[in-house]
Amino acid sequence: MEKKESQKIEIMMKDYEILKTYSTSTSPGIRYNLISIALATIGIVISGTMIAVGNGKLSDLDLVVKIVSILWVAFVPLFCITILYVWLGEEQRMMRMGEYCKELEEKINKEFGEEILNWETFKRKKSIQYPEKLIIALFLGLSLGSSLAGLYLIKVNFIMALIIDLIVHIVITLFTRIFVKRKIVAIENLK
């Protein structure tokens, strides 16, 4: 029986070690690379259109306005929202991993009869949420800002387009808030 208990603890420790390593080194790298690639792509789209206009490569001004407007009204907002939700999915996966590691800590500590593992418990007491809120605000803000810039360039009834765009972004923001509360914060509140 002693050997079986020892093997059980060894398996739980290996599982814990793998997940902790992934959650502290690999997963954050994936999330920050995702943000970097997204911001670089948006920068390339915006600067590319500005360079083309500035160099006179696109001489037909109406065509330039249409291209820039489509990029800013459709591509950049959709890209921002897509990247935001992929990032939130990674965040959710990391939270689930953390919850599982916390359960493993409790099982291992119970097997040893003392608290030898406490990373997840400690981390939950010292939780930092402002980076997550900043990322959400960044991508929602980029989406809103680019769509407003594109709508301004189209020269439609700007006030009506502004109202519609604000309503759409408020709905997206509310949906994102509900998603975060249900899927991410709910896991974190299991402290």
N, C-alpha and C. Protein backbone atom coordinates (compact mmCIF):
# COMPACT_ATOMS: atom_id res chain seq x y z
N MET A 1 0.82 -1.21 0.00
CA MET A 1 0.00 0.00 0.00
C MET A 1 0.86 1.27 0.00
N GLU A 2 1.98 1.21 0.73
CA GLU A 2 2.88 2.35 0.81
C GLU A 2 3.44 2.72 -0.56
N LYS A 3 3.81 1.71 -1.35
CA LYS A 3 4.36 1.93 -2.69
C LYS A 3 3.30 2.55 -3.60
N LYS A 4 2.07 2.09 -3.49
CA LYS A 4 0.98 2.63 -4.32
C LYS A 4 0.73 4.10 -3.99
N GLU A 5 0.75 4.44 -2.71
CA GLU A 5 0.55 5.84 -2.29
C GLU A 5 1.71 6.71 -2.78
N SER A 6 2.91 6.17 -2.73
CA SER A 6 4.09 6.90 -3.20
C SER A 6 4.00 7.15 -4.70
N GLN A 7 3.58 6.16 -5.45
CA GLN A 7 3.41 6.32 -6.90
C GLN A 7 2.32 7.33 -7.22
N LYS A 8 1.24 7.29 -6.45
CA LYS A 8 0.14 8.24 -6.64
C LYS A 8 0.63 9.68 -6.44
N ILE A 9 1.39 9.90 -5.39
CA ILE A 9 1.92 11.24 -5.13
C ILE A 9 2.90 11.64 -6.22
N GLU A 10 3.72 10.71 -6.66
CA GLU A 10 4.68 10.99 -7.73
C GLU A 10 3.98 11.40 -9.02
N ILE A 11 2.91 10.71 -9.36
CA ILE A 11 2.14 11.05 -10.56
C ILE A 11 1.50 12.42 -10.42
N MET A 12 0.91 12.70 -9.27
CA MET A 12 0.29 14.02 -9.05
C MET A 12 1.34 15.12 -9.11
N MET A 13 2.53 14.87 -8.54
CA MET A 13 3.59 15.88 -8.56
C MET A 13 4.08 16.16 -9.99
N LYS A 14 4.21 15.10 -10.79
CA LYS A 14 4.64 15.28 -12.18
C LYS A 14 3.59 16.10 -12.96
N ASP A 15 2.34 15.76 -12.77
CA ASP A 15 1.25 16.49 -13.40
C ASP A 15 1.28 17.96 -12.97
N TYR A 16 1.44 18.18 -11.68
CA TYR A 16 1.49 19.53 -11.12
C TYR A 16 2.67 20.31 -11.71
N GLU A 17 3.83 19.66 -11.78
CA GLU A 17 5.03 20.31 -12.29
C GLU A 17 4.87 20.73 -13.75
N ILE A 18 4.32 19.84 -14.56
CA ILE A 18 4.11 20.14 -15.98
C ILE A 18 3.15 21.32 -16.15
N LEU A 19 2.03 21.28 -15.45
CA LEU A 19 1.03 22.34 -15.58
C LEU A 19 1.54 23.67 -15.04
N LYS A 20 2.25 23.64 -13.93
CA LYS A 20 2.77 24.88 -13.36
C LYS A 20 3.79 25.51 -14.30
N THR A 21 4.66 24.67 -14.89
CA THR A 21 5.65 25.18 -15.84
C THR A 21 4.95 25.80 -17.05
N TYR A 22 3.94 25.12 -17.57
CA TYR A 22 3.21 25.64 -18.72
C TYR A 22 2.52 26.96 -18.37
N SER A 23 1.90 27.01 -17.19
CA SER A 23 1.13 28.21 -16.84
C SER A 23 2.01 29.39 -16.48
N THR A 24 3.25 29.16 -16.05
CA THR A 24 4.11 30.27 -15.67
C THR A 24 5.08 30.70 -16.77
N SER A 25 5.30 29.83 -17.78
CA SER A 25 6.26 30.22 -18.81
C SER A 25 5.67 30.18 -20.22
N THR A 26 5.04 29.11 -20.59
CA THR A 26 4.56 28.96 -21.97
C THR A 26 3.31 29.77 -22.24
N SER A 27 2.29 29.62 -21.42
CA SER A 27 1.01 30.28 -21.67
C SER A 27 1.10 31.81 -21.70
N PRO A 28 1.81 32.44 -20.75
CA PRO A 28 1.94 33.91 -20.86
C PRO A 28 2.64 34.33 -22.15
N GLY A 29 3.62 33.54 -22.58
CA GLY A 29 4.31 33.86 -23.84
C GLY A 29 3.37 33.81 -25.02
N ILE A 30 2.50 32.81 -25.05
CA ILE A 30 1.51 32.71 -26.13
C ILE A 30 0.61 33.93 -26.13
N ARG A 31 0.12 34.31 -24.95
CA ARG A 31 -0.81 35.45 -24.88
C ARG A 31 -0.13 36.75 -25.28
N TYR A 32 1.11 36.98 -24.84
CA TYR A 32 1.78 38.23 -25.18
C TYR A 32 2.23 38.25 -26.64
N ASN A 33 2.59 37.09 -27.19
CA ASN A 33 2.90 37.03 -28.62
C ASN A 33 1.66 37.34 -29.45
N LEU A 34 0.52 36.84 -29.01
CA LEU A 34 -0.75 37.12 -29.69
C LEU A 34 -1.02 38.62 -29.71
N ILE A 35 -0.83 39.28 -28.60
CA ILE A 35 -1.04 40.73 -28.51
C ILE A 35 -0.05 41.46 -29.42
N SER A 36 1.22 41.06 -29.39
CA SER A 36 2.25 41.71 -30.21
C SER A 36 1.94 41.57 -31.70
N ILE A 37 1.58 40.36 -32.11
CA ILE A 37 1.27 40.13 -33.52
C ILE A 37 0.04 40.94 -33.94
N ALA A 38 -0.95 40.99 -33.08
CA ALA A 38 -2.17 41.76 -33.39
C ALA A 38 -1.86 43.24 -33.55
N LEU A 39 -1.13 43.80 -32.61
CA LEU A 39 -0.80 45.23 -32.69
C LEU A 39 0.09 45.52 -33.89
N ALA A 40 1.02 44.62 -34.20
CA ALA A 40 1.87 44.81 -35.38
C ALA A 40 1.03 44.78 -36.66
N THR A 41 0.09 43.85 -36.74
CA THR A 41 -0.77 43.75 -37.92
C THR A 41 -1.60 45.02 -38.10
N ILE A 42 -2.18 45.49 -37.02
CA ILE A 42 -2.98 46.72 -37.09
C ILE A 42 -2.09 47.90 -37.50
N GLY A 43 -0.88 47.96 -36.94
CA GLY A 43 0.06 49.02 -37.31
C GLY A 43 0.44 48.96 -38.77
N ILE A 44 0.65 47.77 -39.29
CA ILE A 44 1.00 47.60 -40.71
C ILE A 44 -0.15 48.05 -41.60
N VAL A 45 -1.37 47.68 -41.24
CA VAL A 45 -2.54 48.09 -42.04
C VAL A 45 -2.66 49.60 -42.06
N ILE A 46 -2.57 50.22 -40.92
CA ILE A 46 -2.73 51.68 -40.84
C ILE A 46 -1.57 52.40 -41.51
N SER A 47 -0.34 51.99 -41.19
CA SER A 47 0.81 52.69 -41.78
C SER A 47 0.92 52.41 -43.28
N GLY A 48 0.57 51.21 -43.70
CA GLY A 48 0.61 50.89 -45.13
C GLY A 48 -0.32 51.77 -45.94
N THR A 49 -1.51 52.00 -45.43
CA THR A 49 -2.44 52.86 -46.16
C THR A 49 -1.95 54.31 -46.15
N MET A 50 -1.36 54.73 -45.05
CA MET A 50 -0.86 56.10 -44.98
C MET A 50 0.34 56.30 -45.92
N ILE A 51 1.22 55.32 -45.99
CA ILE A 51 2.39 55.42 -46.88
C ILE A 51 1.94 55.44 -48.34
N ALA A 52 0.98 54.59 -48.68
CA ALA A 52 0.47 54.55 -50.06
C ALA A 52 -0.14 55.90 -50.44
N VAL A 53 -0.87 56.49 -49.53
CA VAL A 53 -1.48 57.80 -49.80
C VAL A 53 -0.39 58.87 -49.90
N GLY A 54 0.55 58.86 -48.96
CA GLY A 54 1.61 59.87 -48.92
C GLY A 54 2.54 59.83 -50.12
N ASN A 55 2.81 58.64 -50.64
CA ASN A 55 3.70 58.50 -51.79
C ASN A 55 2.99 58.69 -53.12
N GLY A 56 1.71 58.85 -53.08
CA GLY A 56 0.95 59.04 -54.30
C GLY A 56 0.77 57.77 -55.11
N LYS A 57 1.01 56.62 -54.51
CA LYS A 57 0.85 55.35 -55.22
C LYS A 57 -0.61 55.11 -55.59
N LEU A 58 -1.46 55.60 -54.74
CA LEU A 58 -2.89 55.50 -55.04
C LEU A 58 -3.38 56.90 -55.39
N SER A 59 -3.43 57.20 -56.65
CA SER A 59 -3.73 58.56 -57.08
C SER A 59 -5.22 58.87 -57.07
N ASP A 60 -6.05 57.87 -57.21
CA ASP A 60 -7.49 58.09 -57.20
C ASP A 60 -7.95 58.23 -55.75
N LEU A 61 -8.20 59.46 -55.33
CA LEU A 61 -8.52 59.74 -53.92
C LEU A 61 -9.79 59.03 -53.47
N ASP A 62 -10.79 58.92 -54.32
CA ASP A 62 -12.01 58.21 -53.94
C ASP A 62 -11.72 56.74 -53.65
N LEU A 63 -10.87 56.13 -54.45
CA LEU A 63 -10.49 54.74 -54.24
C LEU A 63 -9.73 54.58 -52.93
N VAL A 64 -8.83 55.51 -52.65
CA VAL A 64 -8.05 55.48 -51.40
C VAL A 64 -8.99 55.56 -50.20
N VAL A 65 -9.92 56.49 -50.25
CA VAL A 65 -10.86 56.66 -49.14
C VAL A 65 -11.68 55.38 -48.94
N LYS A 66 -12.12 54.77 -50.03
CA LYS A 66 -12.89 53.53 -49.92
C LYS A 66 -12.06 52.41 -49.31
N ILE A 67 -10.82 52.26 -49.76
CA ILE A 67 -9.95 51.20 -49.24
C ILE A 67 -9.67 51.42 -47.76
N VAL A 68 -9.27 52.63 -47.40
CA VAL A 68 -8.98 52.93 -46.00
C VAL A 68 -10.23 52.77 -45.15
N SER A 69 -11.35 53.23 -45.64
CA SER A 69 -12.60 53.12 -44.89
C SER A 69 -12.96 51.66 -44.64
N ILE A 70 -12.85 50.84 -45.67
CA ILE A 70 -13.17 49.41 -45.50
C ILE A 70 -12.22 48.76 -44.49
N LEU A 71 -10.93 49.10 -44.60
CA LEU A 71 -9.97 48.55 -43.65
C LEU A 71 -10.30 48.98 -42.23
N TRP A 72 -10.61 50.25 -42.04
CA TRP A 72 -10.83 50.77 -40.70
C TRP A 72 -12.22 50.45 -40.16
N VAL A 73 -13.21 50.38 -41.02
CA VAL A 73 -14.57 50.09 -40.55
C VAL A 73 -14.79 48.58 -40.36
N ALA A 74 -14.22 47.78 -41.23
CA ALA A 74 -14.51 46.34 -41.18
C ALA A 74 -13.34 45.52 -40.66
N PHE A 75 -12.18 45.60 -41.34
CA PHE A 75 -11.08 44.70 -41.00
C PHE A 75 -10.54 44.91 -39.59
N VAL A 76 -10.14 46.13 -39.26
CA VAL A 76 -9.50 46.38 -37.96
C VAL A 76 -10.44 46.04 -36.80
N PRO A 77 -11.71 46.48 -36.80
CA PRO A 77 -12.58 46.10 -35.68
C PRO A 77 -12.80 44.58 -35.57
N LEU A 78 -13.05 43.92 -36.71
CA LEU A 78 -13.24 42.47 -36.67
C LEU A 78 -11.97 41.77 -36.19
N PHE A 79 -10.85 42.22 -36.65
CA PHE A 79 -9.57 41.65 -36.24
C PHE A 79 -9.35 41.85 -34.73
N CYS A 80 -9.64 43.07 -34.25
CA CYS A 80 -9.47 43.36 -32.82
C CYS A 80 -10.37 42.47 -31.96
N ILE A 81 -11.63 42.34 -32.34
CA ILE A 81 -12.57 41.52 -31.56
C ILE A 81 -12.16 40.05 -31.61
N THR A 82 -11.74 39.59 -32.78
CA THR A 82 -11.30 38.19 -32.91
C THR A 82 -10.08 37.93 -32.02
N ILE A 83 -9.09 38.78 -32.09
CA ILE A 83 -7.89 38.61 -31.27
C ILE A 83 -8.25 38.70 -29.79
N LEU A 84 -9.14 39.62 -29.42
CA LEU A 84 -9.56 39.75 -28.03
C LEU A 84 -10.16 38.43 -27.53
N TYR A 85 -11.03 37.83 -28.32
CA TYR A 85 -11.67 36.59 -27.87
C TYR A 85 -10.72 35.39 -27.90
N VAL A 86 -9.77 35.38 -28.81
CA VAL A 86 -8.74 34.33 -28.77
C VAL A 86 -7.91 34.51 -27.50
N TRP A 87 -7.55 35.75 -27.18
CA TRP A 87 -6.79 36.05 -25.98
C TRP A 87 -7.59 35.66 -24.73
N LEU A 88 -8.88 35.99 -24.71
CA LEU A 88 -9.72 35.61 -23.57
C LEU A 88 -9.83 34.09 -23.43
N GLY A 89 -9.84 33.39 -24.56
CA GLY A 89 -9.85 31.93 -24.52
C GLY A 89 -8.58 31.39 -23.87
N GLU A 90 -7.45 31.98 -24.21
CA GLU A 90 -6.18 31.59 -23.57
C GLU A 90 -6.22 31.91 -22.08
N GLU A 91 -6.79 33.05 -21.74
CA GLU A 91 -6.92 33.44 -20.33
C GLU A 91 -7.80 32.43 -19.58
N GLN A 92 -8.88 32.03 -20.22
CA GLN A 92 -9.79 31.05 -19.61
C GLN A 92 -9.08 29.71 -19.42
N ARG A 93 -8.32 29.30 -20.41
CA ARG A 93 -7.59 28.04 -20.30
C ARG A 93 -6.59 28.10 -19.15
N MET A 94 -5.91 29.23 -19.02
CA MET A 94 -4.96 29.38 -17.94
C MET A 94 -5.65 29.36 -16.57
N MET A 95 -6.83 29.95 -16.48
CA MET A 95 -7.58 29.93 -15.22
C MET A 95 -8.02 28.50 -14.87
N ARG A 96 -8.46 27.75 -15.86
CA ARG A 96 -8.84 26.34 -15.61
C ARG A 96 -7.64 25.53 -15.15
N MET A 97 -6.49 25.79 -15.77
CA MET A 97 -5.27 25.10 -15.38
C MET A 97 -4.90 25.44 -13.94
N GLY A 98 -5.05 26.70 -13.60
CA GLY A 98 -4.77 27.14 -12.24
C GLY A 98 -5.69 26.48 -11.23
N GLU A 99 -6.95 26.36 -11.58
CA GLU A 99 -7.91 25.70 -10.69
C GLU A 99 -7.55 24.24 -10.50
N TYR A 100 -7.16 23.58 -11.56
CA TYR A 100 -6.75 22.18 -11.47
C TYR A 100 -5.49 22.04 -10.62
N CYS A 101 -4.52 22.95 -10.80
CA CYS A 101 -3.30 22.91 -9.99
C CYS A 101 -3.61 23.14 -8.51
N LYS A 102 -4.57 24.02 -8.24
CA LYS A 102 -4.97 24.27 -6.86
C LYS A 102 -5.56 23.00 -6.24
N GLU A 103 -6.38 22.29 -7.01
CA GLU A 103 -6.94 21.03 -6.52
C GLU A 103 -5.85 19.99 -6.29
N LEU A 104 -4.86 19.95 -7.20
CA LEU A 104 -3.74 19.03 -7.01
C LEU A 104 -2.95 19.39 -5.75
N GLU A 105 -2.73 20.69 -5.53
CA GLU A 105 -2.03 21.13 -4.32
C GLU A 105 -2.76 20.62 -3.08
N GLU A 106 -4.09 20.79 -3.08
CA GLU A 106 -4.87 20.36 -1.92
C GLU A 106 -4.75 18.85 -1.71
N LYS A 107 -4.81 18.07 -2.80
CA LYS A 107 -4.70 16.61 -2.68
C LYS A 107 -3.32 16.20 -2.18
N ILE A 108 -2.28 16.81 -2.75
CA ILE A 108 -0.92 16.48 -2.34
C ILE A 108 -0.68 16.88 -0.89
N ASN A 109 -1.12 18.07 -0.53
CA ASN A 109 -0.97 18.52 0.85
C ASN A 109 -1.71 17.60 1.82
N LYS A 110 -2.88 17.14 1.41
CA LYS A 110 -3.66 16.21 2.24
C LYS A 110 -2.91 14.89 2.39
N GLU A 111 -2.31 14.39 1.31
CA GLU A 111 -1.55 13.13 1.37
C GLU A 111 -0.38 13.24 2.33
N PHE A 112 0.31 14.40 2.33
CA PHE A 112 1.46 14.59 3.21
C PHE A 112 1.06 15.03 4.62
N GLY A 113 -0.17 15.51 4.77
CA GLY A 113 -0.63 15.95 6.08
C GLY A 113 -0.10 17.32 6.48
N GLU A 114 0.48 18.03 5.54
CA GLU A 114 0.97 19.39 5.81
C GLU A 114 0.97 20.17 4.50
N GLU A 115 1.10 21.48 4.60
CA GLU A 115 1.07 22.33 3.41
C GLU A 115 2.48 22.45 2.84
N ILE A 116 2.74 21.65 1.80
CA ILE A 116 4.06 21.72 1.15
C ILE A 116 3.98 22.45 -0.19
N LEU A 117 2.81 22.45 -0.83
CA LEU A 117 2.59 23.17 -2.08
C LEU A 117 1.53 24.24 -1.83
N ASN A 118 1.84 25.47 -2.29
CA ASN A 118 0.86 26.55 -2.06
C ASN A 118 0.90 27.64 -3.12
N TRP A 119 1.49 27.38 -4.29
CA TRP A 119 1.63 28.41 -5.32
C TRP A 119 0.28 28.98 -5.75
N GLU A 120 -0.66 28.11 -6.13
CA GLU A 120 -1.96 28.59 -6.61
C GLU A 120 -2.74 29.30 -5.51
N THR A 121 -2.67 28.79 -4.30
CA THR A 121 -3.36 29.44 -3.18
C THR A 121 -2.77 30.83 -2.95
N PHE A 122 -1.43 30.92 -2.93
CA PHE A 122 -0.76 32.20 -2.75
C PHE A 122 -1.08 33.15 -3.88
N LYS A 123 -1.01 32.64 -5.13
CA LYS A 123 -1.26 33.49 -6.30
C LYS A 123 -2.67 34.06 -6.29
N ARG A 124 -3.63 33.29 -5.83
CA ARG A 124 -5.01 33.77 -5.80
C ARG A 124 -5.20 34.87 -4.77
N LYS A 125 -4.42 34.86 -3.72
CA LYS A 125 -4.50 35.93 -2.72
C LYS A 125 -3.91 37.22 -3.27
N LYS A 126 -2.98 37.10 -4.20
CA LYS A 126 -2.27 38.26 -4.76
C LYS A 126 -2.64 38.50 -6.22
N SER A 127 -3.87 38.20 -6.59
CA SER A 127 -4.31 38.29 -7.98
C SER A 127 -4.21 39.72 -8.50
N ILE A 128 -3.70 39.85 -9.71
CA ILE A 128 -3.59 41.15 -10.37
C ILE A 128 -4.51 41.12 -11.58
N GLN A 129 -5.48 42.03 -11.63
CA GLN A 129 -6.43 42.01 -12.73
C GLN A 129 -6.28 43.18 -13.69
N TYR A 130 -5.52 44.21 -13.33
CA TYR A 130 -5.47 45.37 -14.22
C TYR A 130 -4.85 45.07 -15.58
N PRO A 131 -3.87 44.15 -15.74
CA PRO A 131 -3.40 43.89 -17.10
C PRO A 131 -4.50 43.32 -17.99
N GLU A 132 -5.32 42.44 -17.44
CA GLU A 132 -6.41 41.86 -18.22
C GLU A 132 -7.41 42.93 -18.62
N LYS A 133 -7.75 43.81 -17.71
CA LYS A 133 -8.69 44.89 -18.02
C LYS A 133 -8.09 45.83 -19.06
N LEU A 134 -6.80 46.07 -18.96
CA LEU A 134 -6.12 46.95 -19.93
C LEU A 134 -6.16 46.34 -21.34
N ILE A 135 -5.92 45.04 -21.46
CA ILE A 135 -5.94 44.37 -22.77
C ILE A 135 -7.33 44.44 -23.37
N ILE A 136 -8.34 44.18 -22.55
CA ILE A 136 -9.73 44.25 -23.03
C ILE A 136 -10.04 45.67 -23.50
N ALA A 137 -9.69 46.66 -22.71
CA ALA A 137 -9.94 48.06 -23.08
C ALA A 137 -9.15 48.44 -24.34
N LEU A 138 -7.92 47.96 -24.46
CA LEU A 138 -7.09 48.27 -25.62
C LEU A 138 -7.75 47.79 -26.91
N PHE A 139 -8.17 46.52 -26.95
CA PHE A 139 -8.73 45.99 -28.18
C PHE A 139 -10.13 46.52 -28.47
N LEU A 140 -10.94 46.73 -27.44
CA LEU A 140 -12.26 47.35 -27.68
C LEU A 140 -12.08 48.80 -28.12
N GLY A 141 -11.12 49.50 -27.54
CA GLY A 141 -10.84 50.89 -27.92
C GLY A 141 -10.32 51.01 -29.34
N LEU A 142 -9.40 50.11 -29.71
CA LEU A 142 -8.90 50.10 -31.10
C LEU A 142 -10.02 49.82 -32.09
N SER A 143 -10.90 48.90 -31.72
CA SER A 143 -12.03 48.58 -32.59
C SER A 143 -12.93 49.79 -32.78
N LEU A 144 -13.29 50.42 -31.69
CA LEU A 144 -14.17 51.60 -31.76
C LEU A 144 -13.48 52.75 -32.49
N GLY A 145 -12.23 53.03 -32.14
CA GLY A 145 -11.52 54.15 -32.75
C GLY A 145 -11.34 53.99 -34.25
N SER A 146 -10.97 52.78 -34.67
CA SER A 146 -10.76 52.59 -36.11
C SER A 146 -12.07 52.64 -36.87
N SER A 147 -13.13 52.08 -36.29
CA SER A 147 -14.41 52.14 -37.00
C SER A 147 -14.94 53.57 -37.09
N LEU A 148 -14.74 54.36 -36.05
CA LEU A 148 -15.15 55.77 -36.10
C LEU A 148 -14.34 56.54 -37.14
N ALA A 149 -13.03 56.27 -37.20
CA ALA A 149 -12.19 56.94 -38.21
C ALA A 149 -12.64 56.56 -39.62
N GLY A 150 -12.93 55.28 -39.82
CA GLY A 150 -13.40 54.84 -41.13
C GLY A 150 -14.74 55.44 -41.49
N LEU A 151 -15.65 55.51 -40.53
CA LEU A 151 -16.96 56.12 -40.78
C LEU A 151 -16.83 57.60 -41.11
N TYR A 152 -15.91 58.27 -40.45
CA TYR A 152 -15.68 59.69 -40.73
C TYR A 152 -15.20 59.88 -42.17
N LEU A 153 -14.33 58.98 -42.61
CA LEU A 153 -13.80 59.08 -43.97
C LEU A 153 -14.86 58.81 -45.04
N ILE A 154 -15.79 57.92 -44.74
CA ILE A 154 -16.84 57.58 -45.71
C ILE A 154 -17.74 58.78 -45.99
N LYS A 155 -17.84 59.66 -45.01
CA LYS A 155 -18.66 60.87 -45.11
C LYS A 155 -20.15 60.55 -45.29
N VAL A 156 -20.58 59.55 -44.52
CA VAL A 156 -22.02 59.29 -44.44
C VAL A 156 -22.56 60.22 -43.37
N ASN A 157 -23.81 60.08 -43.03
CA ASN A 157 -24.36 60.86 -41.93
C ASN A 157 -23.60 60.44 -40.66
N PHE A 158 -22.59 61.22 -40.31
CA PHE A 158 -21.66 60.81 -39.26
C PHE A 158 -22.34 60.65 -37.90
N ILE A 159 -23.26 61.52 -37.57
CA ILE A 159 -23.93 61.43 -36.26
C ILE A 159 -24.71 60.12 -36.16
N MET A 160 -25.44 59.77 -37.20
CA MET A 160 -26.19 58.51 -37.18
C MET A 160 -25.24 57.32 -37.14
N ALA A 161 -24.17 57.37 -37.95
CA ALA A 161 -23.18 56.28 -37.96
C ALA A 161 -22.48 56.18 -36.61
N LEU A 162 -22.21 57.32 -36.00
CA LEU A 162 -21.59 57.34 -34.67
C LEU A 162 -22.48 56.66 -33.65
N ILE A 163 -23.75 56.98 -33.66
CA ILE A 163 -24.71 56.39 -32.71
C ILE A 163 -24.78 54.87 -32.92
N ILE A 164 -24.89 54.44 -34.17
CA ILE A 164 -24.96 53.00 -34.45
C ILE A 164 -23.67 52.30 -34.02
N ASP A 165 -22.53 52.91 -34.34
CA ASP A 165 -21.25 52.31 -33.97
C ASP A 165 -21.09 52.23 -32.45
N LEU A 166 -21.48 53.28 -31.75
CA LEU A 166 -21.41 53.25 -30.29
C LEU A 166 -22.31 52.16 -29.71
N ILE A 167 -23.51 52.03 -30.25
CA ILE A 167 -24.43 50.98 -29.78
C ILE A 167 -23.82 49.60 -30.02
N VAL A 168 -23.28 49.39 -31.21
CA VAL A 168 -22.65 48.09 -31.52
C VAL A 168 -21.51 47.81 -30.55
N HIS A 169 -20.68 48.80 -30.28
CA HIS A 169 -19.55 48.59 -29.37
C HIS A 169 -19.99 48.46 -27.92
N ILE A 170 -21.05 49.11 -27.55
CA ILE A 170 -21.59 48.91 -26.19
C ILE A 170 -22.09 47.48 -26.04
N VAL A 171 -22.77 46.97 -27.06
CA VAL A 171 -23.25 45.58 -27.02
C VAL A 171 -22.06 44.62 -26.95
N ILE A 172 -21.05 44.86 -27.76
CA ILE A 172 -19.85 44.01 -27.73
C ILE A 172 -19.19 44.07 -26.35
N THR A 173 -19.11 45.27 -25.78
CA THR A 173 -18.51 45.43 -24.45
C THR A 173 -19.32 44.69 -23.40
N LEU A 174 -20.64 44.80 -23.46
CA LEU A 174 -21.49 44.09 -22.49
C LEU A 174 -21.35 42.58 -22.65
N PHE A 175 -21.34 42.10 -23.89
CA PHE A 175 -21.16 40.67 -24.14
C PHE A 175 -19.80 40.20 -23.60
N THR A 176 -18.77 41.01 -23.82
CA THR A 176 -17.43 40.67 -23.33
C THR A 176 -17.42 40.64 -21.80
N ARG A 177 -18.07 41.61 -21.19
CA ARG A 177 -18.14 41.65 -19.72
C ARG A 177 -18.85 40.41 -19.18
N ILE A 178 -19.96 40.03 -19.80
CA ILE A 178 -20.69 38.84 -19.38
C ILE A 178 -19.82 37.60 -19.56
N PHE A 179 -19.14 37.51 -20.70
CA PHE A 179 -18.26 36.38 -20.96
C PHE A 179 -17.17 36.28 -19.89
N VAL A 180 -16.54 37.41 -19.59
CA VAL A 180 -15.46 37.42 -18.61
C VAL A 180 -16.00 37.04 -17.23
N LYS A 181 -17.14 37.57 -16.86
CA LYS A 181 -17.72 37.26 -15.54
C LYS A 181 -18.07 35.78 -15.44
N ARG A 182 -18.66 35.22 -16.48
CA ARG A 182 -19.12 33.82 -16.44
C ARG A 182 -17.99 32.83 -16.63
N LYS A 183 -17.09 33.12 -17.53
CA LYS A 183 -16.10 32.12 -17.93
C LYS A 183 -14.74 32.28 -17.25
N ILE A 184 -14.39 33.50 -16.85
CA ILE A 184 -13.05 33.70 -16.31
C ILE A 184 -13.09 34.06 -14.82
N VAL A 185 -13.85 35.09 -14.49
CA VAL A 185 -13.89 35.53 -13.09
C VAL A 185 -14.56 34.47 -12.22
N ALA A 186 -15.53 33.75 -12.76
CA ALA A 186 -16.21 32.70 -12.00
C ALA A 186 -15.19 31.66 -11.53
N ILE A 187 -14.21 31.34 -12.38
CA ILE A 187 -13.17 30.39 -12.01
C ILE A 187 -12.29 30.99 -10.94
N GLU A 188 -11.92 32.26 -11.11
CA GLU A 188 -11.04 32.91 -10.15
C GLU A 188 -11.70 33.07 -8.78
N ASN A 189 -13.01 33.24 -8.74
CA ASN A 189 -13.71 33.41 -7.47
C ASN A 189 -13.82 32.14 -6.65
N LEU A 190 -13.31 31.04 -7.15
CA LEU A 190 -13.34 29.79 -6.41
C LEU A 190 -12.25 29.72 -5.35
N LYS A 191 -11.71 30.84 -4.96
CA LYS A 191 -10.57 30.91 -4.03
C LYS A 191 -10.83 30.17 -2.75
